[in-house]
C-alpha atoms as a PDB file:
ATOM      1  CA  MET A   1       4.094   6.448  14.717  1.00  0.00           C
ATOM      2  CA  SER A   2       3.096   5.315  18.159  1.00  0.00           C
ATOM      3  CA  SER A   3       2.567   1.624  18.827  1.00  0.00           C
ATOM      4  CA  ALA A   4      -0.667   2.701  20.536  1.00  0.00           C
ATOM      5  CA  THR A   5      -2.283   3.610  17.214  1.00  0.00           C
ATOM      6  CA  THR A   6      -5.683   1.974  16.900  1.00  0.00           C
ATOM      7  CA  VAL A   7      -7.014   0.993  13.518  1.00  0.00           C
ATOM      8  CA  SER A   8     -10.634   2.083  13.515  1.00  0.00           C
ATOM      9  CA  ASN A   9     -11.532   1.813   9.873  1.00  0.00           C
ATOM     10  CA  LEU A  10     -10.449  -0.608   7.173  1.00  0.00           C
ATOM     11  CA  SER A  11     -11.972  -0.203   3.756  1.00  0.00           C
ATOM     12  CA  ARG A  12     -11.494  -2.208   0.590  1.00  0.00           C
ATOM     13  CA  PRO A  13     -11.752  -0.652  -1.931  1.00  0.00           C
ATOM     14  CA  ALA A  14     -11.739   2.879  -0.564  1.00  0.00           C
ATOM     15  CA  THR A  15     -12.232   6.323  -1.972  1.00  0.00           C
ATOM     16  CA  ILE A  16      -9.446   8.549  -0.696  1.00  0.00           C
ATOM     17  CA  ILE A  17     -10.389  12.184  -0.306  1.00  0.00           C
ATOM     18  CA  ASN A  18      -7.342  14.415  -0.775  1.00  0.00           C
ATOM     19  CA  ARG A  19      -8.161  17.821   0.669  1.00  0.00           C
ATOM     20  CA  SER A  20      -4.626  19.082   0.096  1.00  0.00           C
ATOM     21  CA  GLY A  21      -4.155  18.090  -3.547  1.00  0.00           C
ATOM     22  CA  PRO A  22      -5.330  19.178  -6.973  1.00  0.00           C
ATOM     23  CA  THR A  23      -7.749  16.246  -7.338  1.00  0.00           C
ATOM     24  CA  SER A  24     -10.715  15.477  -5.146  1.00  0.00           C
ATOM     25  CA  GLY A  25      -9.844  11.836  -4.598  1.00  0.00           C
ATOM     26  CA  TYR A  26      -8.775   8.412  -5.823  1.00  0.00           C
ATOM     27  CA  GLN A  27      -9.948   4.838  -5.585  1.00  0.00           C
ATOM     28  CA  ALA A  28      -7.414   2.827  -3.549  1.00  0.00           C
ATOM     29  CA  ASP A  29      -7.289  -0.965  -3.270  1.00  0.00           C
ATOM     30  CA  LEU A  30      -7.168  -0.826   0.528  1.00  0.00           C
ATOM     31  CA  ALA A  31      -7.063   1.976   3.074  1.00  0.00           C
ATOM     32  CA  VAL A  32      -6.788   2.181   6.845  1.00  0.00           C
ATOM     33  CA  SER A  33      -7.814   5.133   8.973  1.00  0.00           C
ATOM     34  CA  GLY A  34      -7.327   5.766  12.665  1.00  0.00           C
ATOM     35  CA  LYS A  35     -10.701   7.515  12.863  1.00  0.00           C
ATOM     36  CA  ARG A  36     -14.015   5.723  13.200  1.00  0.00           C
ATOM     37  CA  GLN A  37     -16.327   6.337  10.267  1.00  0.00           C
ATOM     38  CA  PRO A  38     -19.945   5.356   9.587  1.00  0.00           C
ATOM     39  CA  SER A  39     -20.161   1.842   8.096  1.00  0.00           C
ATOM     40  CA  ASP A  40     -21.973   3.159   5.024  1.00  0.00           C
ATOM     41  CA  GLN A  41     -19.240   5.722   4.272  1.00  0.00           C
ATOM     42  CA  HIS A  42     -16.568   4.429   1.897  1.00  0.00           C
ATOM     43  CA  ALA A  43     -14.653   7.694   1.557  1.00  0.00           C
ATOM     44  CA  ILE A  44     -11.635   8.034   3.838  1.00  0.00           C
ATOM     45  CA  ILE A  45     -10.520  11.574   4.544  1.00  0.00           C
ATOM     46  CA  ASP A  46      -7.601  10.931   6.907  1.00  0.00           C
ATOM     47  CA  PRO A  47      -5.916   7.647   5.893  1.00  0.00           C
ATOM     48  CA  LEU A  48      -2.902   6.308   7.777  1.00  0.00           C
ATOM     49  CA  LEU A  49      -2.120   3.499   5.335  1.00  0.00           C
ATOM     50  CA  ILE A  50      -2.969   2.933   1.680  1.00  0.00           C
ATOM     51  CA  VAL A  51      -2.252  -0.265  -0.257  1.00  0.00           C
ATOM     52  CA  GLU A  52      -2.185  -0.213  -4.052  1.00  0.00           C
ATOM     53  CA  VAL A  53      -1.834  -3.385  -6.134  1.00  0.00           C
ATOM     54  CA  LEU A  54       0.197  -2.532  -9.212  1.00  0.00           C
ATOM     55  CA  SER A  55      -0.873  -4.068 -12.500  1.00  0.00           C
ATOM     56  CA  PRO A  56       0.640  -3.377 -15.920  1.00  0.00           C
ATOM     57  CA  SER A  57      -2.321  -1.125 -16.749  1.00  0.00           C
ATOM     58  CA  THR A  58      -2.300   0.869 -13.454  1.00  0.00           C
ATOM     59  CA  GLU A  59       1.358   0.958 -12.365  1.00  0.00           C
ATOM     60  CA  ASN A  60       2.231   4.215 -14.117  1.00  0.00           C
ATOM     61  CA  GLN A  61      -0.773   6.072 -12.631  1.00  0.00           C
ATOM     62  CA  ASP A  62      -0.287   4.517  -9.164  1.00  0.00           C
ATOM     63  CA  ARG A  63       3.420   5.409  -8.989  1.00  0.00           C
ATOM     64  CA  LYS A  64       3.628   8.760 -10.745  1.00  0.00           C
ATOM     65  CA  VAL A  65       0.314  10.365  -9.845  1.00  0.00           C
ATOM     66  CA  LYS A  66      -1.426   8.697  -6.906  1.00  0.00           C
ATOM     67  CA  LEU A  67       1.694   8.039  -4.786  1.00  0.00           C
ATOM     68  CA  VAL A  68       2.826  11.646  -5.188  1.00  0.00           C
ATOM     69  CA  ASP A  69      -0.597  12.917  -4.080  1.00  0.00           C
ATOM     70  CA  TYR A  70      -0.959  10.362  -1.259  1.00  0.00           C
ATOM     71  CA  ARG A  71       2.305  11.600   0.245  1.00  0.00           C
ATOM     72  CA  LYS A  72       0.820  15.109   0.442  1.00  0.00           C
ATOM     73  CA  ILE A  73      -2.029  13.985   2.717  1.00  0.00           C
ATOM     74  CA  PRO A  74      -1.100  15.177   6.232  1.00  0.00           C
ATOM     75  CA  SER A  75      -2.423  12.049   8.004  1.00  0.00           C
ATOM     76  CA  MET A  76      -0.683   9.610   5.629  1.00  0.00           C
ATOM     77  CA  TYR A  77       1.974   7.518   7.333  1.00  0.00           C
ATOM     78  CA  GLU A  78       2.555   4.561   4.991  1.00  0.00           C
ATOM     79  CA  VAL A  79       1.859   3.627   1.370  1.00  0.00           C
ATOM     80  CA  LEU A  80       2.398   0.012   0.308  1.00  0.00           C
ATOM     81  CA  LEU A  81       2.747  -0.801  -3.389  1.00  0.00           C
ATOM     82  CA  VAL A  82       2.318  -4.498  -4.221  1.00  0.00           C
ATOM     83  CA  ASP A  83       3.371  -5.740  -7.659  1.00  0.00           C
ATOM     84  CA  SER A  84       0.926  -8.165  -9.278  1.00  0.00           C
ATOM     85  CA  THR A  85       3.355  -9.777 -11.728  1.00  0.00           C
ATOM     86  CA  ARG A  86       6.398 -10.527  -9.577  1.00  0.00           C
ATOM     87  CA  ARG A  87       7.313 -10.868  -5.896  1.00  0.00           C
ATOM     88  CA  TYR A  88       8.013  -7.232  -5.108  1.00  0.00           C
ATOM     89  CA  CYS A  89       6.638  -4.792  -2.526  1.00  0.00           C
ATOM     90  CA  GLU A  90       7.592  -1.211  -1.907  1.00  0.00           C
ATOM     91  CA  LEU A  91       6.748   0.411   1.436  1.00  0.00           C
ATOM     92  CA  HIS A  92       6.904   4.206   1.681  1.00  0.00           C
ATOM     93  CA  ARG A  93       6.954   5.457   5.291  1.00  0.00           C
ATOM     94  CA  ARG A  94       6.836   9.076   6.427  1.00  0.00           C
ATOM     95  CA  LEU A  95       9.764   9.976   8.677  1.00  0.00           C
ATOM     96  CA  GLU A  96       8.949  13.592   9.462  1.00  0.00           C
ATOM     97  CA  GLY A  97       7.426  16.424   7.477  1.00  0.00           C
ATOM     98  CA  ASP A  98       8.077  15.767   3.793  1.00  0.00           C
ATOM     99  CA  ARG A  99      10.834  13.164   4.378  1.00  0.00           C
ATOM    100  CA  TRP A 100       9.997   9.582   3.434  1.00  0.00           C
ATOM    101  CA  LEU A 101      11.829   6.250   3.676  1.00  0.00           C
ATOM    102  CA  THR A 102      11.293   3.567   1.014  1.00  0.00           C
ATOM    103  CA  GLU A 103      11.750  -0.089   1.941  1.00  0.00           C
ATOM    104  CA  LEU A 104      11.889  -2.741  -0.804  1.00  0.00           C
ATOM    105  CA  ALA A 105      10.971  -6.378  -0.248  1.00  0.00           C
ATOM    106  CA  VAL A 106      11.806  -8.997  -2.886  1.00  0.00           C
ATOM    107  CA  ASN A 107      12.963 -12.061  -0.923  1.00  0.00           C
ATOM    108  CA  PRO A 108      10.077 -14.474  -0.120  1.00  0.00           C
ATOM    109  CA  ASP A 109      11.215 -14.507   3.523  1.00  0.00           C
ATOM    110  CA  ALA A 110      11.206 -10.700   3.772  1.00  0.00           C
ATOM    111  CA  VAL A 111       8.911  -9.224   6.411  1.00  0.00           C
ATOM    112  CA  LEU A 112       7.309  -5.810   6.030  1.00  0.00           C
ATOM    113  CA  ARG A 113       6.470  -4.077   9.290  1.00  0.00           C
ATOM    114  CA  LEU A 114       3.465  -1.767   8.941  1.00  0.00           C
ATOM    115  CA  GLU A 115       3.860   0.619  11.839  1.00  0.00           C
ATOM    116  CA  SER A 116       0.597   2.405  11.016  1.00  0.00           C
ATOM    117  CA  SER A 117      -1.430  -0.697  11.860  1.00  0.00           C
ATOM    118  CA  ASP A 118       1.031  -2.617  14.051  1.00  0.00           C
ATOM    119  CA  ALA A 119       1.153  -5.502  11.572  1.00  0.00           C
ATOM    120  CA  GLU A 120       3.854  -7.652  10.017  1.00  0.00           C
ATOM    121  CA  LEU A 121       3.454  -9.061   6.515  1.00  0.00           C
ATOM    122  CA  ARG A 122       5.699 -11.807   5.167  1.00  0.00           C
ATOM    123  CA  LEU A 123       6.165 -11.555   1.417  1.00  0.00           C
ATOM    124  CA  SER A 124       5.488 -15.292   1.044  1.00  0.00           C
ATOM    125  CA  ASP A 125       2.093 -14.782   2.734  1.00  0.00           C
ATOM    126  CA  ILE A 126       1.195 -11.824   0.527  1.00  0.00           C
ATOM    127  CA  TYR A 127       1.828 -13.914  -2.590  1.00  0.00           C
ATOM    128  CA  ALA A 128       0.534 -17.272  -1.292  1.00  0.00           C
ATOM    129  CA  ASP A 129      -1.719 -18.952  -3.869  1.00  0.00           C
ATOM    130  CA  VAL A 130      -0.898 -16.278  -6.468  1.00  0.00           C
ATOM    131  CA  GLU A 131       0.498 -17.488  -9.771  1.00  0.00           C
ATOM    132  CA  LEU A 132       3.200 -15.010 -10.718  1.00  0.00           C
ATOM    133  CA  GLU A 133       4.774 -14.498 -14.102  1.00  0.00           C
ATOM    134  CA  GLN A 134       8.232 -14.680 -12.501  1.00  0.00           C
ATOM    135  CA  ASP A 135       7.470 -18.153 -11.060  1.00  0.00           C
ATOM    136  CA  ARG A 136       6.432 -19.448 -14.494  1.00  0.00           C
ATOM    137  CA  GLU A 137       9.643 -18.037 -15.997  1.00  0.00           C
ATOM    138  CA  GLU A 138      11.838 -19.504 -13.230  1.00  0.00           C
ATOM    139  CA  GLY A 139      10.132 -22.913 -13.590  1.00  0.00           C
ATOM    140  CA  LYS A 140      10.579 -22.834 -17.351  1.00  0.00           C
ATOM    141  CA  ALA A 141      14.287 -21.961 -17.019  1.00  0.00           C
ATOM    142  CA  ALA A 142      14.813 -24.781 -14.507  1.00  0.00           C
ATOM    143  CA  THR A 143      13.432 -27.390 -16.929  1.00  0.00           C
ATOM    144  CA  GLU A 144      15.553 -26.280 -19.868  1.00  0.00           C
END
Protein backbone atom coordinates (compact mmCIF):
# COMPACT_ATOMS: atom_id res chain seq x y z
CA MET A 1 0.00 0.00 0.00
CA SER A 2 1.35 3.38 -0.95
CA SER A 3 1.97 5.97 1.74
CA ALA A 4 0.14 8.38 -0.57
CA THR A 5 -3.20 6.68 0.07
CA THR A 6 -5.82 9.24 1.05
CA VAL A 7 -8.63 8.29 3.37
CA SER A 8 -11.74 9.81 1.84
CA ASN A 9 -14.48 8.08 3.77
CA LEU A 10 -14.70 6.93 7.37
CA SER A 11 -17.93 5.37 8.50
CA ARG A 12 -18.97 4.04 11.88
CA PRO A 13 -20.89 1.77 11.80
CA ALA A 14 -20.74 0.88 8.12
CA THR A 15 -22.56 -1.48 5.84
CA ILE A 16 -19.99 -3.36 3.78
CA ILE A 17 -21.19 -4.39 0.35
CA ASN A 18 -19.40 -7.56 -0.80
CA ARG A 19 -19.86 -7.86 -4.54
CA SER A 20 -17.57 -10.88 -4.73
CA GLY A 21 -19.07 -13.02 -1.97
CA PRO A 22 -22.15 -15.13 -1.35
CA THR A 23 -23.78 -12.51 0.91
CA SER A 24 -24.78 -9.01 -0.04
CA GLY A 25 -23.12 -7.32 2.91
CA TYR A 26 -22.33 -7.01 6.60
CA GLN A 27 -22.49 -4.39 9.31
CA ALA A 28 -18.94 -3.50 10.40
CA ASP A 29 -18.00 -1.49 13.49
CA LEU A 30 -15.78 0.84 11.46
CA ALA A 31 -14.76 1.03 7.82
CA VAL A 32 -12.44 3.23 5.78
CA SER A 33 -12.59 3.71 2.04
CA GLY A 34 -10.23 5.52 -0.29
CA LYS A 35 -13.14 6.69 -2.43
CA ARG A 36 -15.30 9.70 -1.64
CA GLN A 37 -18.93 8.80 -1.06
CA PRO A 38 -22.05 10.92 -0.49
CA SER A 39 -22.43 11.83 3.21
CA ASP A 40 -25.86 10.21 3.35
CA GLN A 41 -24.55 6.87 2.02
CA HIS A 42 -23.51 4.45 4.76
CA ALA A 43 -22.75 1.50 2.49
CA ILE A 44 -19.10 1.09 1.55
CA ILE A 45 -18.44 -0.86 -1.62
CA ASP A 46 -14.64 -0.66 -1.78
CA PRO A 47 -13.26 -0.63 1.79
CA LEU A 48 -9.53 -0.46 2.47
CA LEU A 49 -9.78 -1.08 6.21
CA ILE A 50 -12.43 -2.69 8.40
CA VAL A 51 -12.37 -2.75 12.21
CA GLU A 52 -14.47 -5.28 14.10
CA VAL A 53 -14.80 -5.25 17.89
CA LEU A 54 -15.06 -8.83 19.07
CA SER A 55 -17.50 -9.59 21.86
CA PRO A 56 -18.34 -13.02 23.26
CA SER A 57 -21.60 -13.01 21.28
CA THR A 58 -20.08 -11.88 17.93
CA GLU A 59 -16.54 -13.30 17.91
CA ASN A 60 -17.41 -16.57 16.19
CA GLN A 61 -19.32 -14.82 13.36
CA ASP A 62 -16.69 -12.07 13.00
CA ARG A 63 -13.77 -14.51 12.78
CA LYS A 64 -15.20 -17.46 10.87
CA VAL A 65 -17.65 -15.79 8.50
CA LYS A 66 -17.08 -12.05 8.13
CA LEU A 67 -13.26 -12.11 8.14
CA VAL A 68 -13.22 -14.83 5.48
CA ASP A 69 -15.58 -12.80 3.27
CA TYR A 70 -13.81 -9.47 3.94
CA ARG A 71 -10.56 -10.98 2.68
CA LYS A 72 -12.27 -11.77 -0.64
CA ILE A 73 -13.08 -8.10 -1.31
CA PRO A 74 -10.55 -6.94 -3.95
CA SER A 75 -10.05 -3.46 -2.42
CA MET A 76 -9.56 -4.77 1.13
CA TYR A 77 -6.08 -4.13 2.48
CA GLU A 78 -6.40 -4.50 6.27
CA VAL A 79 -8.84 -5.99 8.78
CA LEU A 80 -8.36 -5.17 12.46
CA LEU A 81 -10.02 -7.37 15.08
CA VAL A 82 -10.17 -5.81 18.56
CA ASP A 83 -11.05 -8.02 21.53
CA SER A 84 -13.49 -6.46 23.99
CA THR A 85 -12.63 -8.63 27.00
CA ARG A 86 -8.83 -8.59 27.05
CA ARG A 87 -5.95 -6.55 25.63
CA TYR A 88 -5.60 -8.26 22.27
CA CYS A 89 -5.68 -7.02 18.67
CA GLU A 90 -5.21 -8.96 15.49
CA LEU A 91 -4.29 -7.12 12.28
CA HIS A 92 -4.71 -8.95 8.97
CA ARG A 93 -2.85 -7.26 6.09
CA ARG A 94 -2.96 -8.27 2.44
CA LEU A 95 0.51 -8.93 1.02
CA GLU A 96 -0.36 -9.77 -2.57
CA GLY A 97 -3.22 -11.62 -4.21
CA ASP A 98 -4.66 -14.05 -1.68
CA ARG A 99 -1.64 -13.94 0.68
CA TRP A 100 -2.20 -12.28 4.05
CA LEU A 101 0.01 -11.49 7.05
CA THR A 102 -1.44 -11.57 10.58
CA GLU A 103 0.11 -9.39 13.28
CA LEU A 104 -0.85 -9.92 16.94
CA ALA A 105 -0.62 -7.21 19.58
CA VAL A 106 -0.97 -8.09 23.27
CA ASN A 107 1.62 -5.94 25.06
CA PRO A 108 0.19 -2.56 26.21
CA ASP A 109 3.17 -0.82 24.58
CA ALA A 110 2.62 -2.56 21.24
CA VAL A 111 2.00 -0.28 18.27
CA LEU A 112 -0.12 -1.33 15.31
CA ARG A 113 0.74 0.40 12.05
CA LEU A 114 -2.29 0.73 9.77
CA GLU A 115 -0.77 1.19 6.35
CA SER A 116 -4.18 1.62 4.71
CA SER A 117 -4.77 4.88 6.57
CA ASP A 118 -1.21 5.86 7.49
CA ALA A 119 -1.99 5.63 11.21
CA GLU A 120 -0.31 4.16 14.27
CA LEU A 121 -2.36 2.82 17.17
CA ARG A 122 -0.82 2.04 20.55
CA LEU A 123 -2.61 -0.79 22.31
CA SER A 124 -2.69 1.23 25.55
CA ASP A 125 -4.56 4.01 23.70
CA ILE A 126 -7.07 1.60 22.16
CA TYR A 127 -7.94 0.26 25.61
CA ALA A 128 -7.64 3.53 27.58
CA ASP A 129 -10.61 3.98 29.93
CA VAL A 130 -11.90 0.48 29.13
CA GLU A 131 -12.43 -1.86 32.05
CA LEU A 132 -11.24 -5.26 30.89
CA GLU A 133 -11.98 -8.62 32.43
CA GLN A 134 -8.26 -9.45 32.35
CA ASP A 135 -7.43 -6.34 34.43
CA ARG A 136 -9.98 -7.33 37.10
CA GLU A 137 -8.50 -10.85 37.20
CA GLU A 138 -4.90 -9.56 37.40
CA GLY A 139 -5.86 -7.11 40.19
CA LYS A 140 -7.65 -9.85 42.10
CA ALA A 141 -4.63 -12.19 41.81
CA ALA A 142 -2.28 -9.44 43.01
CA THR A 143 -4.29 -8.92 46.21
CA GLU A 144 -4.45 -12.60 47.12
